[in-house]
PDB file of N, CA and C in Angstrom:
ATOM      1  N   MET A   1     248.110 -40.269  -6.469  1.00  0.00           N
ATOM      2  CA  MET A   1     248.645 -39.333  -7.420  1.00  0.00           C
ATOM      3  C   MET A   1     249.269 -38.179  -6.646  1.00  0.00           C
ATOM      4  N   ALA A   2     250.436 -37.684  -7.083  1.00  0.00           N
ATOM      5  CA  ALA A   2     251.108 -36.580  -6.401  1.00  0.00           C
ATOM      6  C   ALA A   2     251.451 -35.499  -7.414  1.00  0.00           C
ATOM      7  N   ASN A   3     251.582 -34.282  -6.922  1.00  0.00           N
ATOM      8  CA  ASN A   3     251.956 -33.171  -7.788  1.00  0.00           C
ATOM      9  C   ASN A   3     253.422 -32.823  -7.567  1.00  0.00           C
ATOM     10  N   ASN A   4     253.871 -31.690  -8.061  1.00  0.00           N
ATOM     11  CA  ASN A   4     255.271 -31.302  -7.936  1.00  0.00           C
ATOM     12  C   ASN A   4     255.702 -31.050  -6.501  1.00  0.00           C
ATOM     13  N   LEU A   5     254.763 -30.776  -5.611  1.00  0.00           N
ATOM     14  CA  LEU A   5     255.089 -30.520  -4.214  1.00  0.00           C
ATOM     15  C   LEU A   5     255.001 -31.781  -3.362  1.00  0.00           C
ATOM     16  N   ASN A   6     254.874 -32.943  -4.004  1.00  0.00           N
ATOM     17  CA  ASN A   6     254.740 -34.233  -3.329  1.00  0.00           C
ATOM     18  C   ASN A   6     253.542 -34.275  -2.388  1.00  0.00           C
ATOM     19  N   MET A   7     252.468 -33.572  -2.763  1.00  0.00           N
ATOM     20  CA  MET A   7     251.225 -33.594  -2.000  1.00  0.00           C
ATOM     21  C   MET A   7     250.266 -34.557  -2.683  1.00  0.00           C
ATOM     22  N   ALA A   8     249.541 -35.320  -1.898  1.00  0.00           N
ATOM     23  CA  ALA A   8     248.528 -36.209  -2.465  1.00  0.00           C
ATOM     24  C   ALA A   8     247.400 -35.367  -3.044  1.00  0.00           C
ATOM     25  N   THR A   9     246.873 -35.792  -4.183  1.00  0.00           N
ATOM     26  CA  THR A   9     245.768 -35.072  -4.810  1.00  0.00           C
ATOM     27  C   THR A   9     244.558 -35.988  -4.883  1.00  0.00           C
ATOM     28  N   ARG A  10     243.406 -35.381  -5.107  1.00  0.00           N
ATOM     29  CA  ARG A  10     242.166 -36.157  -5.184  1.00  0.00           C
ATOM     30  C   ARG A  10     242.138 -37.014  -6.434  1.00  0.00           C
ATOM     31  N   SER A  11     241.657 -38.232  -6.278  1.00  0.00           N
ATOM     32  CA  SER A  11     241.539 -39.115  -7.440  1.00  0.00           C
ATOM     33  C   SER A  11     240.158 -39.001  -8.073  1.00  0.00           C
ATOM     34  N   ALA A  12     239.186 -38.477  -7.334  1.00  0.00           N
ATOM     35  CA  ALA A  12     237.823 -38.315  -7.865  1.00  0.00           C
ATOM     36  C   ALA A  12     237.769 -37.082  -8.765  1.00  0.00           C
ATOM     37  N   PRO A  13     236.976 -37.121  -9.827  1.00  0.00           N
ATOM     38  CA  PRO A  13     236.868 -35.950 -10.708  1.00  0.00           C
ATOM     39  C   PRO A  13     236.276 -34.752  -9.972  1.00  0.00           C
ATOM     40  N   ARG A  14     236.815 -33.573 -10.272  1.00  0.00           N
ATOM     41  CA  ARG A  14     236.366 -32.337  -9.633  1.00  0.00           C
ATOM     42  C   ARG A  14     235.411 -31.590 -10.537  1.00  0.00           C
ATOM     43  N   SER A  15     234.464 -30.917  -9.912  1.00  0.00           N
ATOM     44  CA  SER A  15     233.536 -30.051 -10.639  1.00  0.00           C
ATOM     45  C   SER A  15     233.707 -28.633 -10.117  1.00  0.00           C
ATOM     46  N   LYS A  16     233.818 -27.690 -11.023  1.00  0.00           N
ATOM     47  CA  LYS A  16     233.918 -26.282 -10.635  1.00  0.00           C
ATOM     48  C   LYS A  16     232.565 -25.822 -10.112  1.00  0.00           C
ATOM     49  N   THR A  17     232.571 -25.149  -8.974  1.00  0.00           N
ATOM     50  CA  THR A  17     231.329 -24.697  -8.357  1.00  0.00           C
ATOM     51  C   THR A  17     231.472 -23.255  -7.895  1.00  0.00           C
ATOM     52  N   ARG A  18     230.365 -22.700  -7.477  1.00  0.00           N
ATOM     53  CA  ARG A  18     230.351 -21.373  -6.864  1.00  0.00           C
ATOM     54  C   ARG A  18     229.297 -21.404  -5.758  1.00  0.00           C
ATOM     55  N   ILE A  19     229.580 -22.188  -4.728  1.00  0.00           N
ATOM     56  CA  ILE A  19     228.659 -22.376  -3.612  1.00  0.00           C
ATOM     57  C   ILE A  19     229.129 -21.511  -2.449  1.00  0.00           C
ATOM     58  N   PHE A  20     228.278 -20.615  -1.977  1.00  0.00           N
ATOM     59  CA  PHE A  20     228.632 -19.781  -0.835  1.00  0.00           C
ATOM     60  C   PHE A  20     228.424 -20.584   0.441  1.00  0.00           C
ATOM     61  N   ALA A  21     229.397 -20.487   1.360  1.00  0.00           N
ATOM     62  CA  ALA A  21     229.374 -21.319   2.557  1.00  0.00           C
ATOM     63  C   ALA A  21     230.060 -20.604   3.714  1.00  0.00           C
ATOM     64  N   THR A  22     229.868 -21.145   4.904  1.00  0.00           N
ATOM     65  CA  THR A  22     230.568 -20.697   6.102  1.00  0.00           C
ATOM     66  C   THR A  22     231.336 -21.886   6.652  1.00  0.00           C
ATOM     67  N   VAL A  23     232.613 -21.662   6.983  1.00  0.00           N
ATOM     68  CA  VAL A  23     233.462 -22.712   7.532  1.00  0.00           C
ATOM     69  C   VAL A  23     233.605 -22.463   9.031  1.00  0.00           C
ATOM     70  N   HIS A  24     233.369 -23.499   9.832  1.00  0.00           N
ATOM     71  CA  HIS A  24     233.426 -23.395  11.290  1.00  0.00           C
ATOM     72  C   HIS A  24     234.547 -24.279  11.827  1.00  0.00           C
ATOM     73  N   TYR A  25     235.329 -23.723  12.774  1.00  0.00           N
ATOM     74  CA  TYR A  25     236.375 -24.478  13.461  1.00  0.00           C
ATOM     75  C   TYR A  25     236.425 -23.968  14.897  1.00  0.00           C
ATOM     76  N   PHE A  26     236.009 -24.769  15.837  1.00  0.00           N
ATOM     77  CA  PHE A  26     235.852 -24.371  17.238  1.00  0.00           C
ATOM     78  C   PHE A  26     235.048 -23.080  17.313  1.00  0.00           C
ATOM     79  N   SER A  27     235.604 -22.004  17.884  1.00  0.00           N
ATOM     80  CA  SER A  27     234.823 -20.770  18.053  1.00  0.00           C
ATOM     81  C   SER A  27     234.970 -19.804  16.882  1.00  0.00           C
ATOM     82  N   GLN A  28     235.753 -20.139  15.887  1.00  0.00           N
ATOM     83  CA  GLN A  28     235.915 -19.226  14.754  1.00  0.00           C
ATOM     84  C   GLN A  28     235.121 -19.702  13.546  1.00  0.00           C
ATOM     85  N   SER A  29     234.708 -18.743  12.750  1.00  0.00           N
ATOM     86  CA  SER A  29     234.031 -19.067  11.494  1.00  0.00           C
ATOM     87  C   SER A  29     234.320 -17.962  10.498  1.00  0.00           C
ATOM     88  N   THR A  30     234.311 -18.321   9.238  1.00  0.00           N
ATOM     89  CA  THR A  30     234.528 -17.346   8.176  1.00  0.00           C
ATOM     90  C   THR A  30     233.703 -17.739   6.963  1.00  0.00           C
ATOM     91  N   ARG A  31     233.299 -16.737   6.218  1.00  0.00           N
ATOM     92  CA  ARG A  31     232.539 -16.967   4.987  1.00  0.00           C
ATOM     93  C   ARG A  31     233.518 -17.260   3.860  1.00  0.00           C
ATOM     94  N   GLY A  32     233.003 -17.871   2.819  1.00  0.00           N
ATOM     95  CA  GLY A  32     233.805 -18.168   1.646  1.00  0.00           C
ATOM     96  C   GLY A  32     232.938 -18.831   0.600  1.00  0.00           C
ATOM     97  N   ARG A  33     233.600 -19.423  -0.391  1.00  0.00           N
ATOM     98  CA  ARG A  33     232.845 -20.150  -1.404  1.00  0.00           C
ATOM     99  C   ARG A  33     233.605 -21.396  -1.808  1.00  0.00           C
ATOM    100  N   VAL A  34     232.851 -22.427  -2.100  1.00  0.00           N
ATOM    101  CA  VAL A  34     233.422 -23.684  -2.576  1.00  0.00           C
ATOM    102  C   VAL A  34     233.734 -23.482  -4.053  1.00  0.00           C
ATOM    103  N   VAL A  35     235.012 -23.603  -4.434  1.00  0.00           N
ATOM    104  CA  VAL A  35     235.396 -23.369  -5.828  1.00  0.00           C
ATOM    105  C   VAL A  35     235.490 -24.658  -6.630  1.00  0.00           C
ATOM    106  N   ASP A  36     235.737 -25.781  -5.958  1.00  0.00           N
ATOM    107  CA  ASP A  36     235.608 -27.065  -6.643  1.00  0.00           C
ATOM    108  C   ASP A  36     235.210 -28.134  -5.641  1.00  0.00           C
ATOM    109  N   LEU A  37     234.530 -29.137  -6.169  1.00  0.00           N
ATOM    110  CA  LEU A  37     233.919 -30.152  -5.324  1.00  0.00           C
ATOM    111  C   LEU A  37     234.026 -31.502  -6.010  1.00  0.00           C
ATOM    112  N   SER A  38     234.354 -32.513  -5.230  1.00  0.00           N
ATOM    113  CA  SER A  38     234.357 -33.885  -5.748  1.00  0.00           C
ATOM    114  C   SER A  38     233.672 -34.770  -4.721  1.00  0.00           C
ATOM    115  N   ALA A  39     233.604 -36.047  -4.997  1.00  0.00           N
ATOM    116  CA  ALA A  39     232.966 -36.984  -4.074  1.00  0.00           C
ATOM    117  C   ALA A  39     233.789 -37.178  -2.807  1.00  0.00           C
ATOM    118  N   THR A  40     235.055 -36.760  -2.819  1.00  0.00           N
ATOM    119  CA  THR A  40     235.919 -36.989  -1.659  1.00  0.00           C
ATOM    120  C   THR A  40     236.461 -35.722  -1.021  1.00  0.00           C
ATOM    121  N   GLY A  41     236.320 -34.563  -1.666  1.00  0.00           N
ATOM    122  CA  GLY A  41     236.893 -33.348  -1.095  1.00  0.00           C
ATOM    123  C   GLY A  41     236.390 -32.085  -1.744  1.00  0.00           C
ATOM    124  N   MET A  42     236.871 -30.962  -1.220  1.00  0.00           N
ATOM    125  CA  MET A  42     236.496 -29.662  -1.769  1.00  0.00           C
ATOM    126  C   MET A  42     237.613 -28.664  -1.522  1.00  0.00           C
ATOM    127  N   ALA A  43     237.638 -27.635  -2.363  1.00  0.00           N
ATOM    128  CA  ALA A  43     238.542 -26.508  -2.172  1.00  0.00           C
ATOM    129  C   ALA A  43     237.682 -25.274  -1.961  1.00  0.00           C
ATOM    130  N   LEU A  44     238.068 -24.455  -0.992  1.00  0.00           N
ATOM    131  CA  LEU A  44     237.323 -23.250  -0.670  1.00  0.00           C
ATOM    132  C   LEU A  44     238.215 -22.030  -0.806  1.00  0.00           C
ATOM    133  N   GLU A  45     237.614 -20.923  -1.195  1.00  0.00           N
ATOM    134  CA  GLU A  45     238.276 -19.622  -1.207  1.00  0.00           C
ATOM    135  C   GLU A  45     237.618 -18.822  -0.095  1.00  0.00           C
ATOM    136  N   LEU A  46     238.395 -18.432   0.915  1.00  0.00           N
ATOM    137  CA  LEU A  46     237.850 -17.810   2.115  1.00  0.00           C
ATOM    138  C   LEU A  46     237.897 -16.290   2.039  1.00  0.00           C
ATOM    139  N   ASP A  47     236.910 -15.642   2.678  1.00  0.00           N
ATOM    140  CA  ASP A  47     236.833 -14.181   2.699  1.00  0.00           C
ATOM    141  C   ASP A  47     237.684 -13.561   3.797  1.00  0.00           C
ATOM    142  N   GLY A  48     238.057 -14.323   4.803  1.00  0.00           N
ATOM    143  CA  GLY A  48     238.810 -13.770   5.922  1.00  0.00           C
ATOM    144  C   GLY A  48     239.814 -14.760   6.459  1.00  0.00           C
ATOM    145  N   PRO A  49     240.531 -14.366   7.516  1.00  0.00           N
ATOM    146  CA  PRO A  49     241.541 -15.256   8.103  1.00  0.00           C
ATOM    147  C   PRO A  49     240.893 -16.480   8.742  1.00  0.00           C
ATOM    148  N   PHE A  50     241.617 -17.579   8.698  1.00  0.00           N
ATOM    149  CA  PHE A  50     241.106 -18.832   9.244  1.00  0.00           C
ATOM    150  C   PHE A  50     242.292 -19.651   9.713  1.00  0.00           C
ATOM    151  N   ALA A  51     242.381 -19.899  11.014  1.00  0.00           N
ATOM    152  CA  ALA A  51     243.527 -20.603  11.588  1.00  0.00           C
ATOM    153  C   ALA A  51     243.147 -22.039  11.920  1.00  0.00           C
ATOM    154  N   ALA A  52     243.373 -22.928  10.990  1.00  0.00           N
ATOM    155  CA  ALA A  52     243.158 -24.361  11.214  1.00  0.00           C
ATOM    156  C   ALA A  52     244.308 -25.101  10.542  1.00  0.00           C
ATOM    157  N   ALA A  53     245.003 -25.912  11.304  1.00  0.00           N
ATOM    158  CA  ALA A  53     246.158 -26.638  10.789  1.00  0.00           C
ATOM    159  C   ALA A  53     245.722 -27.891  10.040  1.00  0.00           C
ATOM    160  N   LYS A  54     246.659 -28.452   9.278  1.00  0.00           N
ATOM    161  CA  LYS A  54     246.393 -29.706   8.579  1.00  0.00           C
ATOM    162  C   LYS A  54     245.983 -30.759   9.602  1.00  0.00           C
ATOM    163  N   GLY A  55     244.930 -31.495   9.284  1.00  0.00           N
ATOM    164  CA  GLY A  55     244.423 -32.515  10.188  1.00  0.00           C
ATOM    165  C   GLY A  55     243.282 -32.042  11.075  1.00  0.00           C
ATOM    166  N   SER A  56     243.004 -30.731  11.069  1.00  0.00           N
ATOM    167  CA  SER A  56     241.912 -30.185  11.882  1.00  0.00           C
ATOM    168  C   SER A  56     240.568 -30.567  11.279  1.00  0.00           C
ATOM    169  N   ARG A  57     239.605 -30.900  12.138  1.00  0.00           N
ATOM    170  CA  ARG A  57     238.247 -31.221  11.677  1.00  0.00           C
ATOM    171  C   ARG A  57     237.432 -29.943  11.659  1.00  0.00           C
ATOM    172  N   VAL A  58     236.838 -29.643  10.510  1.00  0.00           N
ATOM    173  CA  VAL A  58     236.033 -28.435  10.348  1.00  0.00           C
ATOM    174  C   VAL A  58     234.653 -28.812   9.825  1.00  0.00           C
ATOM    175  N   LYS A  59     233.714 -27.863   9.957  1.00  0.00           N
ATOM    176  CA  LYS A  59     232.366 -28.053   9.416  1.00  0.00           C
ATOM    177  C   LYS A  59     232.100 -26.963   8.398  1.00  0.00           C
ATOM    178  N   VAL A  60     231.491 -27.342   7.294  1.00  0.00           N
ATOM    179  CA  VAL A  60     231.113 -26.403   6.242  1.00  0.00           C
ATOM    180  C   VAL A  60     229.590 -26.376   6.194  1.00  0.00           C
ATOM    181  N   GLN A  61     229.039 -25.168   6.226  1.00  0.00           N
ATOM    182  CA  GLN A  61     227.582 -25.004   6.182  1.00  0.00           C
ATOM    183  C   GLN A  61     227.216 -24.156   4.979  1.00  0.00           C
ATOM    184  N   SER A  62     226.291 -24.659   4.160  1.00  0.00           N
ATOM    185  CA  SER A  62     225.812 -23.889   3.014  1.00  0.00           C
ATOM    186  C   SER A  62     224.357 -24.241   2.746  1.00  0.00           C
ATOM    187  N   ASP A  63     223.678 -23.352   2.031  1.00  0.00           N
ATOM    188  CA  ASP A  63     222.282 -23.617   1.676  1.00  0.00           C
ATOM    189  C   ASP A  63     222.171 -24.793   0.709  1.00  0.00           C
ATOM    190  N   ASP A  64     223.129 -24.919  -0.214  1.00  0.00           N
ATOM    191  CA  ASP A  64     223.064 -25.969  -1.233  1.00  0.00           C
ATOM    192  C   ASP A  64     223.471 -27.343  -0.711  1.00  0.00           C
ATOM    193  N   LEU A  65     224.434 -27.384   0.226  1.00  0.00           N
ATOM    194  CA  LEU A  65     224.970 -28.658   0.695  1.00  0.00           C
ATOM    195  C   LEU A  65     224.544 -29.033   2.107  1.00  0.00           C
ATOM    196  N   GLY A  66     224.051 -28.098   2.892  1.00  0.00           N
ATOM    197  CA  GLY A  66     223.746 -28.371   4.294  1.00  0.00           C
ATOM    198  C   GLY A  66     225.032 -28.345   5.107  1.00  0.00           C
ATOM    199  N   PHE A  67     225.117 -29.165   6.156  1.00  0.00           N
ATOM    200  CA  PHE A  67     226.324 -29.286   6.977  1.00  0.00           C
ATOM    201  C   PHE A  67     227.151 -30.457   6.478  1.00  0.00           C
ATOM    202  N   ILE A  68     228.432 -30.199   6.228  1.00  0.00           N
ATOM    203  CA  ILE A  68     229.355 -31.259   5.816  1.00  0.00           C
ATOM    204  C   ILE A  68     230.613 -31.127   6.659  1.00  0.00           C
ATOM    205  N   GLU A  69     231.121 -32.256   7.150  1.00  0.00           N
ATOM    206  CA  GLU A  69     232.349 -32.259   7.934  1.00  0.00           C
ATOM    207  C   GLU A  69     233.510 -32.706   7.066  1.00  0.00           C
ATOM    208  N   GLY A  70     234.686 -32.145   7.370  1.00  0.00           N
ATOM    209  CA  GLY A  70     235.873 -32.518   6.627  1.00  0.00           C
ATOM    210  C   GLY A  70     237.129 -32.300   7.444  1.00  0.00           C
ATOM    211  N   VAL A  71     238.244 -32.751   6.900  1.00  0.00           N
ATOM    212  CA  VAL A  71     239.547 -32.617   7.536  1.00  0.00           C
ATOM    213  C   VAL A  71     240.416 -31.749   6.639  1.00  0.00           C
ATOM    214  N   VAL A  72     241.072 -30.752   7.231  1.00  0.00           N
ATOM    215  CA  VAL A  72     241.937 -29.851   6.468  1.00  0.00           C
ATOM    216  C   VAL A  72     243.124 -30.641   5.927  1.00  0.00           C
ATOM    217  N   GLN A  73     243.341 -30.570   4.621  1.00  0.00           N
ATOM    218  CA  GLN A  73     244.479 -31.219   3.978  1.00  0.00           C
ATOM    219  C   GLN A  73     245.574 -30.223   3.638  1.00  0.00           C
ATOM    220  N   TRP A  74     245.161 -28.992   3.330  1.00  0.00           N
ATOM    221  CA  TRP A  74     246.127 -27.938   3.028  1.00  0.00           C
ATOM    222  C   TRP A  74     245.462 -26.581   3.194  1.00  0.00           C
ATOM    223  N   GLN A  75     246.297 -25.559   3.435  1.00  0.00           N
ATOM    224  CA  GLN A  75     245.822 -24.182   3.486  1.00  0.00           C
ATOM    225  C   GLN A  75     246.926 -23.317   2.912  1.00  0.00           C
ATOM    226  N   HIS A  76     246.558 -22.440   1.994  1.00  0.00           N
ATOM    227  CA  HIS A  76     247.519 -21.526   1.382  1.00  0.00           C
ATOM    228  C   HIS A  76     246.835 -20.184   1.174  1.00  0.00           C
ATOM    229  N   MET A  77     247.332 -19.171   1.866  1.00  0.00           N
ATOM    230  CA  MET A  77     246.759 -17.826   1.826  1.00  0.00           C
ATOM    231  C   MET A  77     245.262 -17.905   2.150  1.00  0.00           C
ATOM    232  N   ASN A  78     244.401 -17.551   1.217  1.00  0.00           N
ATOM    233  CA  ASN A  78     242.963 -17.557   1.502  1.00  0.00           C
ATOM    234  C   ASN A  78     242.256 -18.791   0.939  1.00  0.00           C
ATOM    235  N   ARG A  79     243.004 -19.849   0.663  1.00  0.00           N
ATOM    236  CA  ARG A  79     242.392 -21.070   0.121  1.00  0.00           C
ATOM    237  C   ARG A  79     242.592 -22.221   1.098  1.00  0.00           C
ATOM    238  N   LEU A  80     241.621 -23.129   1.075  1.00  0.00           N
ATOM    239  CA  LEU A  80     241.605 -24.235   2.019  1.00  0.00           C
ATOM    240  C   LEU A  80     241.167 -25.498   1.287  1.00  0.00           C
ATOM    241  N   GLY A  81     241.877 -26.591   1.503  1.00  0.00           N
ATOM    242  CA  GLY A  81     241.511 -27.875   0.908  1.00  0.00           C
ATOM    243  C   GLY A  81     241.043 -28.839   1.976  1.00  0.00           C
ATOM    244  N   LEU A  82     239.897 -29.461   1.747  1.00  0.00           N
ATOM    245  CA  LEU A  82     239.327 -30.391   2.716  1.00  0.00           C
ATOM    246  C   LEU A  82     239.130 -31.772   2.117  1.00  0.00           C
ATOM    247  N   GLN A  83     239.389 -32.791   2.924  1.00  0.00           N
ATOM    248  CA  GLN A  83     238.979 -34.151   2.598  1.00  0.00           C
ATOM    249  C   GLN A  83     237.690 -34.371   3.369  1.00  0.00           C
ATOM    250  N   LEU A  84     236.636 -34.756   2.683  1.00  0.00           N
ATOM    251  CA  LEU A  84     235.335 -34.899   3.319  1.00  0.00           C
ATOM    252  C   LEU A  84     235.277 -36.137   4.198  1.00  0.00           C
ATOM    253  N   LYS A  85     234.580 -36.002   5.318  1.00  0.00           N
ATOM    254  CA  LYS A  85     234.295 -37.149   6.176  1.00  0.00           C
ATOM    255  C   LYS A  85     233.107 -37.856   5.539  1.00  0.00           C
ATOM    256  N   LEU A  86     233.370 -38.975   4.895  1.00  0.00           N
ATOM    257  CA  LEU A  86     232.329 -39.656   4.124  1.00  0.00           C
ATOM    258  C   LEU A  86     231.408 -40.457   5.033  1.00  0.00           C
ATOM    259  N   SER A  87     230.170 -40.037   5.067  1.00  0.00           N
ATOM    260  CA  SER A  87     229.118 -40.735   5.800  1.00  0.00           C
ATOM    261  C   SER A  87     227.934 -40.867   4.850  1.00  0.00           C
ATOM    262  N   THR A  88     226.938 -41.616   5.243  1.00  0.00           N
ATOM    263  CA  THR A  88     225.765 -41.748   4.376  1.00  0.00           C
ATOM    264  C   THR A  88     225.084 -40.399   4.189  1.00  0.00           C
ATOM    265  N   ASN A  89     225.096 -39.565   5.226  1.00  0.00           N
ATOM    266  CA  ASN A  89     224.496 -38.238   5.132  1.00  0.00           C
ATOM    267  C   ASN A  89     225.253 -37.365   4.127  1.00  0.00           C
ATOM    268  N   THR A  90     226.583 -37.355   4.213  1.00  0.00           N
ATOM    269  CA  THR A  90     227.397 -36.563   3.289  1.00  0.00           C
ATOM    270  C   THR A  90     227.197 -37.029   1.856  1.00  0.00           C
ATOM    271  N   LEU A  91     227.213 -38.336   1.644  1.00  0.00           N
ATOM    272  CA  LEU A  91     227.026 -38.865   0.291  1.00  0.00           C
ATOM    273  C   LEU A  91     225.657 -38.502  -0.266  1.00  0.00           C
ATOM    274  N   ALA A  92     224.629 -38.530   0.577  1.00  0.00           N
ATOM    275  CA  ALA A  92     223.282 -38.150   0.131  1.00  0.00           C
ATOM    276  C   ALA A  92     223.221 -36.667  -0.219  1.00  0.00           C
ATOM    277  N   GLN A  93     223.879 -35.823   0.576  1.00  0.00           N
ATOM    278  CA  GLN A  93     223.886 -34.387   0.303  1.00  0.00           C
ATOM    279  C   GLN A  93     224.611 -34.081  -1.005  1.00  0.00           C
ATOM    280  N   LEU A  94     225.761 -34.720  -1.231  1.00  0.00           N
ATOM    281  CA  LEU A  94     226.504 -34.499  -2.476  1.00  0.00           C
ATOM    282  C   LEU A  94     225.712 -34.995  -3.679  1.00  0.00           C
ATOM    283  N   SER A  95     225.121 -36.169  -3.555  1.00  0.00           N
ATOM    284  CA  SER A  95     224.324 -36.721  -4.646  1.00  0.00           C
ATOM    285  C   SER A  95     223.157 -35.803  -4.984  1.00  0.00           C
ATOM    286  N   SER A  96     222.483 -35.302  -3.972  1.00  0.00           N
ATOM    287  CA  SER A  96     221.355 -34.390  -4.176  1.00  0.00           C
ATOM    288  C   SER A  96     221.811 -33.097  -4.838  1.00  0.00           C
ATOM    289  N   TYR A  97     222.954 -32.555  -4.388  1.00  0.00           N
ATOM    290  CA  TYR A  97     223.467 -31.323  -4.987  1.00  0.00           C
ATOM    291  C   TYR A  97     223.744 -31.532  -6.474  1.00  0.00           C
ATOM    292  N   PHE A  98     224.466 -32.591  -6.820  1.00  0.00           N
ATOM    293  CA  PHE A  98     224.814 -32.814  -8.227  1.00  0.00           C
ATOM    294  C   PHE A  98     223.587 -33.145  -9.077  1.00  0.00           C
ATOM    295  N   ARG A  99     222.587 -33.765  -8.497  1.00  0.00           N
ATOM    296  CA  ARG A  99     221.385 -34.114  -9.245  1.00  0.00           C
ATOM    297  C   ARG A  99     220.500 -32.897  -9.504  1.00  0.00           C
ATOM    298  N   PHE A 100     220.337 -32.018  -8.515  1.00  0.00           N
ATOM    299  CA  PHE A 100     219.338 -30.959  -8.631  1.00  0.00           C
ATOM    300  C   PHE A 100     219.880 -29.541  -8.806  1.00  0.00           C
ATOM    301  N   PHE A 101     221.086 -29.245  -8.332  1.00  0.00           N
ATOM    302  CA  PHE A 101     221.538 -27.857  -8.291  1.00  0.00           C
ATOM    303  C   PHE A 101     222.756 -27.535  -9.144  1.00  0.00           C
ATOM    304  N   HIS A 102     223.619 -28.501  -9.371  1.00  0.00           N
ATOM    305  CA  HIS A 102     224.924 -28.193  -9.958  1.00  0.00           C
ATOM    306  C   HIS A 102     224.846 -27.728 -11.405  1.00  0.00           C
ATOM    307  N   GLU A 103     225.556 -26.635 -11.670  1.00  0.00           N
ATOM    308  CA  GLU A 103     225.820 -26.168 -13.028  1.00  0.00           C
ATOM    309  C   GLU A 103     227.304 -25.859 -13.083  1.00  0.00           C
ATOM    310  N   GLU A 104     228.003 -26.441 -14.042  1.00  0.00           N
ATOM    311  CA  GLU A 104     229.444 -26.219 -14.173  1.00  0.00           C
ATOM    312  C   GLU A 104     229.696 -24.737 -14.428  1.00  0.00           C
ATOM    313  N   VAL A 105     230.636 -24.155 -13.686  1.00  0.00           N
ATOM    314  CA  VAL A 105     230.943 -22.735 -13.843  1.00  0.00           C
ATOM    315  C   VAL A 105     232.386 -22.573 -14.280  1.00  0.00           C
ATOM    316  N   LYS A 106     232.646 -21.459 -14.946  1.00  0.00           N
ATOM    317  CA  LYS A 106     234.012 -21.141 -15.330  1.00  0.00           C
ATOM    318  C   LYS A 106     234.673 -20.425 -14.164  1.00  0.00           C
ATOM    319  N   PRO A 107     235.925 -20.758 -13.858  1.00  0.00           N
ATOM    320  CA  PRO A 107     236.593 -20.100 -12.740  1.00  0.00           C
ATOM    321  C   PRO A 107     236.811 -18.617 -13.024  1.00  0.00           C
ATOM    322  N   THR A 108     236.749 -17.814 -11.974  1.00  0.00           N
ATOM    323  CA  THR A 108     237.023 -16.386 -12.093  1.00  0.00           C
ATOM    324  C   THR A 108     238.162 -16.036 -11.156  1.00  0.00           C
ATOM    325  N   LEU A 109     238.912 -15.032 -11.515  1.00  0.00           N
ATOM    326  CA  LEU A 109     240.014 -14.589 -10.677  1.00  0.00           C
ATOM    327  C   LEU A 109     239.497 -13.653  -9.602  1.00  0.00           C
ATOM    328  N   ALA A 110     239.979 -13.825  -8.389  1.00  0.00           N
ATOM    329  CA  ALA A 110     239.597 -12.912  -7.306  1.00  0.00           C
ATOM    330  C   ALA A 110     240.360 -11.608  -7.484  1.00  0.00           C
ATOM    331  N   ARG A 111     239.677 -10.507  -7.320  1.00  0.00           N
ATOM    332  CA  ARG A 111     240.329  -9.190  -7.442  1.00  0.00           C
ATOM    333  C   ARG A 111     240.163  -8.409  -6.187  1.00  0.00           C
TER     334      ARG A 111
END
């Protein structure tokens, strides 16, 4: 599936979330929050600058999800889109999150 910008989009259903996390890429890290999550990817809203190009492998650390690895698919201003590196560990963490912690949230505008 593609959008108006001819970018591939996730085929898995997305759930709106508000998970606080830290994104790590080599020696840099920044705080942010996961704003939507699916079985194959996530979108994050970052609190600070983050220099990682498309295709870069990053790690996301949060209390709710643990450590999850992903590949940057897009970055625009303070938002970042990741395709998750699907492993048995990642699938177990996502399954556990949706089973025990997830509550659908309404999106809020950053001010």
